Amino acid sequence: MNITYFGHSSFQIEFGGKNLVFDPFISPNPAAASIDVNTIKADYVLLSHGHADHVVDAERIAKNNGATLISNYEIVTYYQGKGINGHGLNHGGKWKFDFGWVKYVYATHSSVLPDGTYGGNPGGFVIWNDTEGCFYFAGDTALTMDMKLIPQTCPKLDFAILPIGDNFTMGYDDAAIAAEFIECNTIIGCHFDTFPPVKIDHDAAKKAFEAKGKRLLLPPVGEGISLK
């Protein structure tokens, strides 16, 4: 499994022989200026919710690659109107794709598409297959007790991607508690440093996770992530 961080909450993960792109906010992000959106490979584009800082490059990436979009029903319907193939999910539902299972899980946040269209309920994704394990992409969320349902209803997590920037999502102290709730020891941070309200102290964030016996990875933009 290869994981590449595109900045903010944007990732490309090679899983089950397919390229999965999550929440692509790349072209407006100065920290991701070295990344050419037109060269990004995607078989699937997964969107946790409709905010511009998670969807702004979704249409371009999907159309460039003939990719399938996975999100909630409302967002999938919106992009189908733009000629993009999609598969809609809703909270608690799962579907088996050619790369593995995807379960759409609860997130507490808000969701509206850039043109003001209703973006449905925000969520996260738990993704797994029989050979490469299981991971959780939380999207934008506060800490919620529903996270405790993930280890009860899904395979054991090998890693999770959690927002840690505070202000618009949970901060790193709450995210460290979330790591306990989901019973996951390896966390990749996202939704930090992009804008002034989400700037964080990297050392303090890592110490918050270390205090709970967890490992926090803060990848540089544009680089691959090693989970060893």
C-alpha atoms as a PDB file:
ATOM      1  CA  MET A   1       0.000   0.000   0.000  1.00  0.00           C
ATOM      2  CA  ASN A   2       1.398   3.381  -1.034  1.00  0.00           C
ATOM      3  CA  ILE A   3       0.116   6.552   0.660  1.00  0.00           C
ATOM      4  CA  THR A   4       0.840  10.055  -0.664  1.00  0.00           C
ATOM      5  CA  TYR A   5      -0.160  13.264   1.113  1.00  0.00           C
ATOM      6  CA  PHE A   6      -1.335  16.120  -1.131  1.00  0.00           C
ATOM      7  CA  GLY A   7      -1.839  18.607   1.720  1.00  0.00           C
ATOM      8  CA  HIS A   8      -4.753  19.601   3.937  1.00  0.00           C
ATOM      9  CA  SER A   9      -6.990  16.479   3.922  1.00  0.00           C
ATOM     10  CA  SER A  10      -6.019  15.215   0.472  1.00  0.00           C
ATOM     11  CA  PHE A  11      -4.458  11.784   0.011  1.00  0.00           C
ATOM     12  CA  GLN A  12      -3.832   9.226  -2.685  1.00  0.00           C
ATOM     13  CA  ILE A  13      -3.795   5.644  -1.420  1.00  0.00           C
ATOM     14  CA  GLU A  14      -3.008   2.651  -3.623  1.00  0.00           C
ATOM     15  CA  PHE A  15      -5.233  -0.104  -2.272  1.00  0.00           C
ATOM     16  CA  GLY A  16      -6.471  -3.315  -3.802  1.00  0.00           C
ATOM     17  CA  GLY A  17      -4.703  -2.480  -7.045  1.00  0.00           C
ATOM     18  CA  LYS A  18      -6.590   0.820  -7.414  1.00  0.00           C
ATOM     19  CA  ASN A  19      -5.757   4.474  -6.819  1.00  0.00           C
ATOM     20  CA  LEU A  20      -8.075   6.060  -4.261  1.00  0.00           C
ATOM     21  CA  VAL A  21      -8.011   9.861  -3.971  1.00  0.00           C
ATOM     22  CA  PHE A  22      -9.550  11.445  -0.879  1.00  0.00           C
ATOM     23  CA  ASP A  23     -10.934  14.984  -0.474  1.00  0.00           C
ATOM     24  CA  PRO A  24      -8.832  16.679  -3.179  1.00  0.00           C
ATOM     25  CA  PHE A  25      -8.105  20.294  -2.242  1.00  0.00           C
ATOM     26  CA  ILE A  26      -4.813  20.845  -4.058  1.00  0.00           C
ATOM     27  CA  SER A  27      -4.783  23.564  -6.732  1.00  0.00           C
ATOM     28  CA  PRO A  28      -5.745  26.466  -4.374  1.00  0.00           C
ATOM     29  CA  ASN A  29      -3.346  25.349  -1.628  1.00  0.00           C
ATOM     30  CA  PRO A  30       0.005  27.201  -1.762  1.00  0.00           C
ATOM     31  CA  ALA A  31       1.654  24.373   0.202  1.00  0.00           C
ATOM     32  CA  ALA A  32       0.759  22.000  -2.664  1.00  0.00           C
ATOM     33  CA  ALA A  33       1.981  24.239  -5.472  1.00  0.00           C
ATOM     34  CA  SER A  34       4.471  21.601  -6.659  1.00  0.00           C
ATOM     35  CA  ILE A  35       1.681  19.076  -7.324  1.00  0.00           C
ATOM     36  CA  ASP A  36       0.193  18.983 -10.837  1.00  0.00           C
ATOM     37  CA  VAL A  37      -3.447  17.981 -10.390  1.00  0.00           C
ATOM     38  CA  ASN A  38      -3.615  16.855 -14.018  1.00  0.00           C
ATOM     39  CA  THR A  39      -1.044  14.109 -13.388  1.00  0.00           C
ATOM     40  CA  ILE A  40      -2.866  12.562 -10.416  1.00  0.00           C
ATOM     41  CA  LYS A  41      -4.089   9.028 -11.105  1.00  0.00           C
ATOM     42  CA  ALA A  42      -7.442   8.034  -9.654  1.00  0.00           C
ATOM     43  CA  ASP A  43      -9.734   5.078 -10.112  1.00  0.00           C
ATOM     44  CA  TYR A  44     -11.971   6.355  -7.324  1.00  0.00           C
ATOM     45  CA  VAL A  45     -12.466   9.776  -5.714  1.00  0.00           C
ATOM     46  CA  LEU A  46     -13.863   9.657  -2.168  1.00  0.00           C
ATOM     47  CA  LEU A  47     -15.438  12.773  -0.676  1.00  0.00           C
ATOM     48  CA  SER A  48     -16.239  12.995   3.029  1.00  0.00           C
ATOM     49  CA  HIS A  49     -18.428  16.084   2.663  1.00  0.00           C
ATOM     50  CA  GLY A  50     -19.121  19.015   0.357  1.00  0.00           C
ATOM     51  CA  HIS A  51     -16.953  21.890   1.599  1.00  0.00           C
ATOM     52  CA  ALA A  52     -14.730  23.510  -1.003  1.00  0.00           C
ATOM     53  CA  ASP A  53     -11.547  22.652   0.900  1.00  0.00           C
ATOM     54  CA  HIS A  54     -12.379  18.968   0.300  1.00  0.00           C
ATOM     55  CA  VAL A  55     -13.923  18.895  -3.184  1.00  0.00           C
ATOM     56  CA  VAL A  56     -12.430  21.705  -5.256  1.00  0.00           C
ATOM     57  CA  ASP A  57     -10.375  19.398  -7.527  1.00  0.00           C
ATOM     58  CA  ALA A  58     -12.761  16.438  -7.453  1.00  0.00           C
ATOM     59  CA  GLU A  59     -14.465  17.101 -10.770  1.00  0.00           C
ATOM     60  CA  ARG A  60     -11.218  17.618 -12.654  1.00  0.00           C
ATOM     61  CA  ILE A  61      -9.516  14.538 -11.222  1.00  0.00           C
ATOM     62  CA  ALA A  62     -12.580  12.355 -11.776  1.00  0.00           C
ATOM     63  CA  LYS A  63     -13.053  13.485 -15.389  1.00  0.00           C
ATOM     64  CA  ASN A  64      -9.336  13.249 -16.204  1.00  0.00           C
ATOM     65  CA  ASN A  65      -9.329   9.609 -15.125  1.00  0.00           C
ATOM     66  CA  GLY A  66     -12.878   8.437 -15.769  1.00  0.00           C
ATOM     67  CA  ALA A  67     -12.965   7.751 -12.030  1.00  0.00           C
ATOM     68  CA  THR A  68     -15.943   6.700  -9.926  1.00  0.00           C
ATOM     69  CA  LEU A  69     -16.922   9.040  -7.114  1.00  0.00           C
ATOM     70  CA  ILE A  70     -17.843   7.611  -3.707  1.00  0.00           C
ATOM     71  CA  SER A  71     -19.640   9.790  -1.186  1.00  0.00           C
ATOM     72  CA  ASN A  72     -23.036  10.302   0.384  1.00  0.00           C
ATOM     73  CA  TYR A  73     -26.118  10.122  -1.827  1.00  0.00           C
ATOM     74  CA  GLU A  74     -26.524  13.896  -2.186  1.00  0.00           C
ATOM     75  CA  ILE A  75     -22.930  14.588  -3.255  1.00  0.00           C
ATOM     76  CA  VAL A  76     -22.899  11.656  -5.675  1.00  0.00           C
ATOM     77  CA  THR A  77     -26.149  12.868  -7.239  1.00  0.00           C
ATOM     78  CA  TYR A  78     -24.695  16.366  -7.580  1.00  0.00           C
ATOM     79  CA  TYR A  79     -21.638  15.118  -9.463  1.00  0.00           C
ATOM     80  CA  GLN A  80     -23.657  12.719 -11.583  1.00  0.00           C
ATOM     81  CA  GLY A  81     -25.318  15.862 -12.903  1.00  0.00           C
ATOM     82  CA  LYS A  82     -21.855  16.905 -14.087  1.00  0.00           C
ATOM     83  CA  GLY A  83     -21.363  13.634 -15.974  1.00  0.00           C
ATOM     84  CA  ILE A  84     -19.354  11.774 -13.309  1.00  0.00           C
ATOM     85  CA  ASN A  85     -20.114   8.177 -12.410  1.00  0.00           C
ATOM     86  CA  GLY A  86     -20.718   7.628  -8.708  1.00  0.00           C
ATOM     87  CA  HIS A  87     -21.811   5.293  -5.949  1.00  0.00           C
ATOM     88  CA  GLY A  88     -23.769   6.822  -3.089  1.00  0.00           C
ATOM     89  CA  LEU A  89     -23.671   5.585   0.496  1.00  0.00           C
ATOM     90  CA  ASN A  90     -25.276   6.668   3.733  1.00  0.00           C
ATOM     91  CA  HIS A  91     -24.384   6.292   7.400  1.00  0.00           C
ATOM     92  CA  GLY A  92     -23.827   2.707   8.454  1.00  0.00           C
ATOM     93  CA  GLY A  93     -24.007   1.360   4.914  1.00  0.00           C
ATOM     94  CA  LYS A  94     -21.207  -0.514   3.196  1.00  0.00           C
ATOM     95  CA  TRP A  95     -20.493  -1.764  -0.320  1.00  0.00           C
ATOM     96  CA  LYS A  96     -17.913  -4.095  -1.803  1.00  0.00           C
ATOM     97  CA  PHE A  97     -15.957  -2.498  -4.637  1.00  0.00           C
ATOM     98  CA  ASP A  98     -13.265  -4.157  -6.752  1.00  0.00           C
ATOM     99  CA  PHE A  99     -10.587  -2.950  -4.298  1.00  0.00           C
ATOM    100  CA  GLY A 100     -12.401  -3.895  -1.089  1.00  0.00           C
ATOM    101  CA  TRP A 101     -15.182  -2.897   1.273  1.00  0.00           C
ATOM    102  CA  VAL A 102     -16.135   0.711   2.023  1.00  0.00           C
ATOM    103  CA  LYS A 103     -18.314   1.586   5.016  1.00  0.00           C
ATOM    104  CA  TYR A 104     -19.657   5.116   5.434  1.00  0.00           C
ATOM    105  CA  VAL A 105     -19.497   6.067   9.107  1.00  0.00           C
ATOM    106  CA  TYR A 106     -20.698   8.969  11.197  1.00  0.00           C
ATOM    107  CA  ALA A 107     -18.975  12.360  11.348  1.00  0.00           C
ATOM    108  CA  THR A 108     -20.286  15.419  13.130  1.00  0.00           C
ATOM    109  CA  HIS A 109     -19.609  18.502  11.017  1.00  0.00           C
ATOM    110  CA  SER A 110     -21.503  20.447   8.323  1.00  0.00           C
ATOM    111  CA  SER A 111     -21.705  20.029   4.562  1.00  0.00           C
ATOM    112  CA  VAL A 112     -22.589  22.310   1.682  1.00  0.00           C
ATOM    113  CA  LEU A 113     -21.182  22.271  -1.848  1.00  0.00           C
ATOM    114  CA  PRO A 114     -19.304  25.311  -3.207  1.00  0.00           C
ATOM    115  CA  ASP A 115     -22.322  26.627  -5.144  1.00  0.00           C
ATOM    116  CA  GLY A 116     -24.588  26.408  -2.089  1.00  0.00           C
ATOM    117  CA  THR A 117     -26.161  23.039  -2.939  1.00  0.00           C
ATOM    118  CA  TYR A 118     -27.027  20.920   0.078  1.00  0.00           C
ATOM    119  CA  GLY A 119     -24.169  18.473   0.681  1.00  0.00           C
ATOM    120  CA  GLY A 120     -25.962  15.798   2.698  1.00  0.00           C
ATOM    121  CA  ASN A 121     -24.617  14.330   5.918  1.00  0.00           C
ATOM    122  CA  PRO A 122     -20.821  14.464   6.357  1.00  0.00           C
ATOM    123  CA  GLY A 123     -19.110  11.165   7.043  1.00  0.00           C
ATOM    124  CA  GLY A 124     -15.943   9.136   7.128  1.00  0.00           C
ATOM    125  CA  PHE A 125     -14.856   5.928   5.425  1.00  0.00           C
ATOM    126  CA  VAL A 126     -13.614   2.633   6.826  1.00  0.00           C
ATOM    127  CA  ILE A 127     -11.955   0.651   4.032  1.00  0.00           C
ATOM    128  CA  TRP A 128     -10.640  -2.900   4.080  1.00  0.00           C
ATOM    129  CA  ASN A 129      -9.838  -6.025   2.111  1.00  0.00           C
ATOM    130  CA  ASP A 130      -8.502  -9.470   2.973  1.00  0.00           C
ATOM    131  CA  THR A 131      -4.876  -8.858   1.970  1.00  0.00           C
ATOM    132  CA  GLU A 132      -3.945  -5.259   2.859  1.00  0.00           C
ATOM    133  CA  GLY A 133      -5.808  -4.652   6.091  1.00  0.00           C
ATOM    134  CA  CYS A 134      -8.131  -1.870   7.183  1.00  0.00           C
ATOM    135  CA  PHE A 135      -7.963   1.906   7.609  1.00  0.00           C
ATOM    136  CA  TYR A 136     -10.238   4.782   8.590  1.00  0.00           C
ATOM    137  CA  PHE A 137     -10.444   8.171   6.875  1.00  0.00           C
ATOM    138  CA  ALA A 138     -12.394  10.366   9.278  1.00  0.00           C
ATOM    139  CA  GLY A 139     -13.049  13.420   7.103  1.00  0.00           C
ATOM    140  CA  ASP A 140     -13.878  16.531   9.111  1.00  0.00           C
ATOM    141  CA  THR A 141     -15.337  15.692  12.481  1.00  0.00           C
ATOM    142  CA  ALA A 142     -15.398  16.492  16.156  1.00  0.00           C
ATOM    143  CA  LEU A 143     -14.695  13.796  18.704  1.00  0.00           C
ATOM    144  CA  THR A 144     -17.796  11.640  18.991  1.00  0.00           C
ATOM    145  CA  MET A 145     -18.785   8.595  21.012  1.00  0.00           C
ATOM    146  CA  ASP A 146     -19.907   6.945  17.763  1.00  0.00           C
ATOM    147  CA  MET A 147     -16.226   6.340  17.006  1.00  0.00           C
ATOM    148  CA  LYS A 148     -16.382   3.550  19.599  1.00  0.00           C
ATOM    149  CA  LEU A 149     -18.629   1.644  17.189  1.00  0.00           C
ATOM    150  CA  ILE A 150     -15.877   1.327  14.585  1.00  0.00           C
ATOM    151  CA  PRO A 151     -13.868  -1.439  16.313  1.00  0.00           C
ATOM    152  CA  GLN A 152     -17.155  -3.192  17.091  1.00  0.00           C
ATOM    153  CA  THR A 153     -18.428  -3.191  13.504  1.00  0.00           C
ATOM    154  CA  CYS A 154     -15.307  -3.175  11.319  1.00  0.00           C
ATOM    155  CA  PRO A 155     -12.027  -5.112  11.098  1.00  0.00           C
ATOM    156  CA  LYS A 156      -9.151  -3.993  13.298  1.00  0.00           C
ATOM    157  CA  LEU A 157      -7.629  -0.761  12.035  1.00  0.00           C
ATOM    158  CA  ASP A 158      -4.025  -0.714  10.825  1.00  0.00           C
ATOM    159  CA  PHE A 159      -4.010   3.084  10.676  1.00  0.00           C
ATOM    160  CA  ALA A 160      -6.384   6.038  10.683  1.00  0.00           C
ATOM    161  CA  ILE A 161      -6.358   9.503   9.144  1.00  0.00           C
ATOM    162  CA  LEU A 162      -7.755  12.018  11.630  1.00  0.00           C
ATOM    163  CA  PRO A 163      -8.162  15.818  11.532  1.00  0.00           C
ATOM    164  CA  ILE A 164      -6.090  17.499  14.227  1.00  0.00           C
ATOM    165  CA  GLY A 165      -6.106  21.233  13.432  1.00  0.00           C
ATOM    166  CA  ASP A 166      -8.862  22.387  15.827  1.00  0.00           C
ATOM    167  CA  ASN A 167     -11.179  25.350  15.169  1.00  0.00           C
ATOM    168  CA  PHE A 168     -13.160  23.653  12.354  1.00  0.00           C
ATOM    169  CA  THR A 169     -12.598  20.054  13.519  1.00  0.00           C
ATOM    170  CA  MET A 170     -11.304  18.333  16.625  1.00  0.00           C
ATOM    171  CA  GLY A 171      -7.850  19.384  17.746  1.00  0.00           C
ATOM    172  CA  TYR A 172      -5.001  17.031  18.495  1.00  0.00           C
ATOM    173  CA  ASP A 173      -5.957  16.501  22.152  1.00  0.00           C
ATOM    174  CA  ASP A 174      -9.418  15.289  21.159  1.00  0.00           C
ATOM    175  CA  ALA A 175      -7.964  13.348  18.227  1.00  0.00           C
ATOM    176  CA  ALA A 176      -5.715  11.451  20.634  1.00  0.00           C
ATOM    177  CA  ILE A 177      -8.845  10.417  22.520  1.00  0.00           C
ATOM    178  CA  ALA A 178     -10.413   9.444  19.185  1.00  0.00           C
ATOM    179  CA  ALA A 179      -7.434   7.159  18.570  1.00  0.00           C
ATOM    180  CA  GLU A 180      -8.311   5.391  21.814  1.00  0.00           C
ATOM    181  CA  PHE A 181     -11.993   5.135  20.859  1.00  0.00           C
ATOM    182  CA  ILE A 182     -11.182   3.536  17.495  1.00  0.00           C
ATOM    183  CA  GLU A 183      -8.471   1.333  19.063  1.00  0.00           C
ATOM    184  CA  CYS A 184      -5.818   2.410  16.555  1.00  0.00           C
ATOM    185  CA  ASN A 185      -2.143   2.975  17.392  1.00  0.00           C
ATOM    186  CA  THR A 186      -0.945   4.651  14.171  1.00  0.00           C
ATOM    187  CA  ILE A 187      -2.520   7.964  13.204  1.00  0.00           C
ATOM    188  CA  ILE A 188      -1.835  10.183  10.199  1.00  0.00           C
ATOM    189  CA  GLY A 189      -2.782  13.783  10.913  1.00  0.00           C
ATOM    190  CA  CYS A 190      -4.638  15.977   8.449  1.00  0.00           C
ATOM    191  CA  HIS A 191      -6.528  19.291   8.282  1.00  0.00           C
ATOM    192  CA  PHE A 192      -3.671  21.219   9.934  1.00  0.00           C
ATOM    193  CA  ASP A 193      -1.392  24.158   9.009  1.00  0.00           C
ATOM    194  CA  THR A 194      -3.278  25.042   5.781  1.00  0.00           C
ATOM    195  CA  PHE A 195      -4.877  28.222   7.141  1.00  0.00           C
ATOM    196  CA  PRO A 196      -4.004  30.344  10.211  1.00  0.00           C
ATOM    197  CA  PRO A 197      -6.898  28.985  12.327  1.00  0.00           C
ATOM    198  CA  VAL A 198      -5.610  25.411  11.949  1.00  0.00           C
ATOM    199  CA  LYS A 199      -1.888  25.992  12.547  1.00  0.00           C
ATOM    200  CA  ILE A 200      -0.586  23.602  15.177  1.00  0.00           C
ATOM    201  CA  ASP A 201       2.451  22.949  17.335  1.00  0.00           C
ATOM    202  CA  HIS A 202       3.829  19.724  15.844  1.00  0.00           C
ATOM    203  CA  ASP A 203       5.805  18.706  18.916  1.00  0.00           C
ATOM    204  CA  ALA A 204       2.870  19.254  21.241  1.00  0.00           C
ATOM    205  CA  ALA A 205       0.595  17.276  18.927  1.00  0.00           C
ATOM    206  CA  LYS A 206       2.967  14.304  18.847  1.00  0.00           C
ATOM    207  CA  LYS A 207       3.345  14.392  22.634  1.00  0.00           C
ATOM    208  CA  ALA A 208      -0.457  14.318  23.074  1.00  0.00           C
ATOM    209  CA  PHE A 209      -0.558  11.047  21.152  1.00  0.00           C
ATOM    210  CA  GLU A 210       2.552   9.632  22.785  1.00  0.00           C
ATOM    211  CA  ALA A 211       0.948  10.169  26.198  1.00  0.00           C
ATOM    212  CA  LYS A 212      -1.727   7.696  25.144  1.00  0.00           C
ATOM    213  CA  GLY A 213       0.686   5.208  23.593  1.00  0.00           C
ATOM    214  CA  LYS A 214      -0.149   6.272  20.053  1.00  0.00           C
ATOM    215  CA  ARG A 215       2.037   7.356  17.132  1.00  0.00           C
ATOM    216  CA  LEU A 216       1.172  10.511  15.175  1.00  0.00           C
ATOM    217  CA  LEU A 217       2.614  10.996  11.694  1.00  0.00           C
ATOM    218  CA  LEU A 218       2.679  14.500  10.200  1.00  0.00           C
ATOM    219  CA  PRO A 219       3.716  13.983   6.576  1.00  0.00           C
ATOM    220  CA  PRO A 220       5.254  16.716   4.426  1.00  0.00           C
ATOM    221  CA  VAL A 221       3.062  17.734   1.488  1.00  0.00           C
ATOM    222  CA  GLY A 222       3.794  15.761  -1.655  1.00  0.00           C
ATOM    223  CA  GLU A 223       5.651  12.951   0.034  1.00  0.00           C
ATOM    224  CA  GLY A 224       4.880   9.291   0.563  1.00  0.00           C
ATOM    225  CA  ILE A 225       4.116   7.954   4.019  1.00  0.00           C
ATOM    226  CA  SER A 226       5.849   4.980   5.556  1.00  0.00           C
ATOM    227  CA  LEU A 227       3.899   3.079   8.188  1.00  0.00           C
ATOM    228  CA  LYS A 228       6.832   0.876   9.263  1.00  0.00           C
END
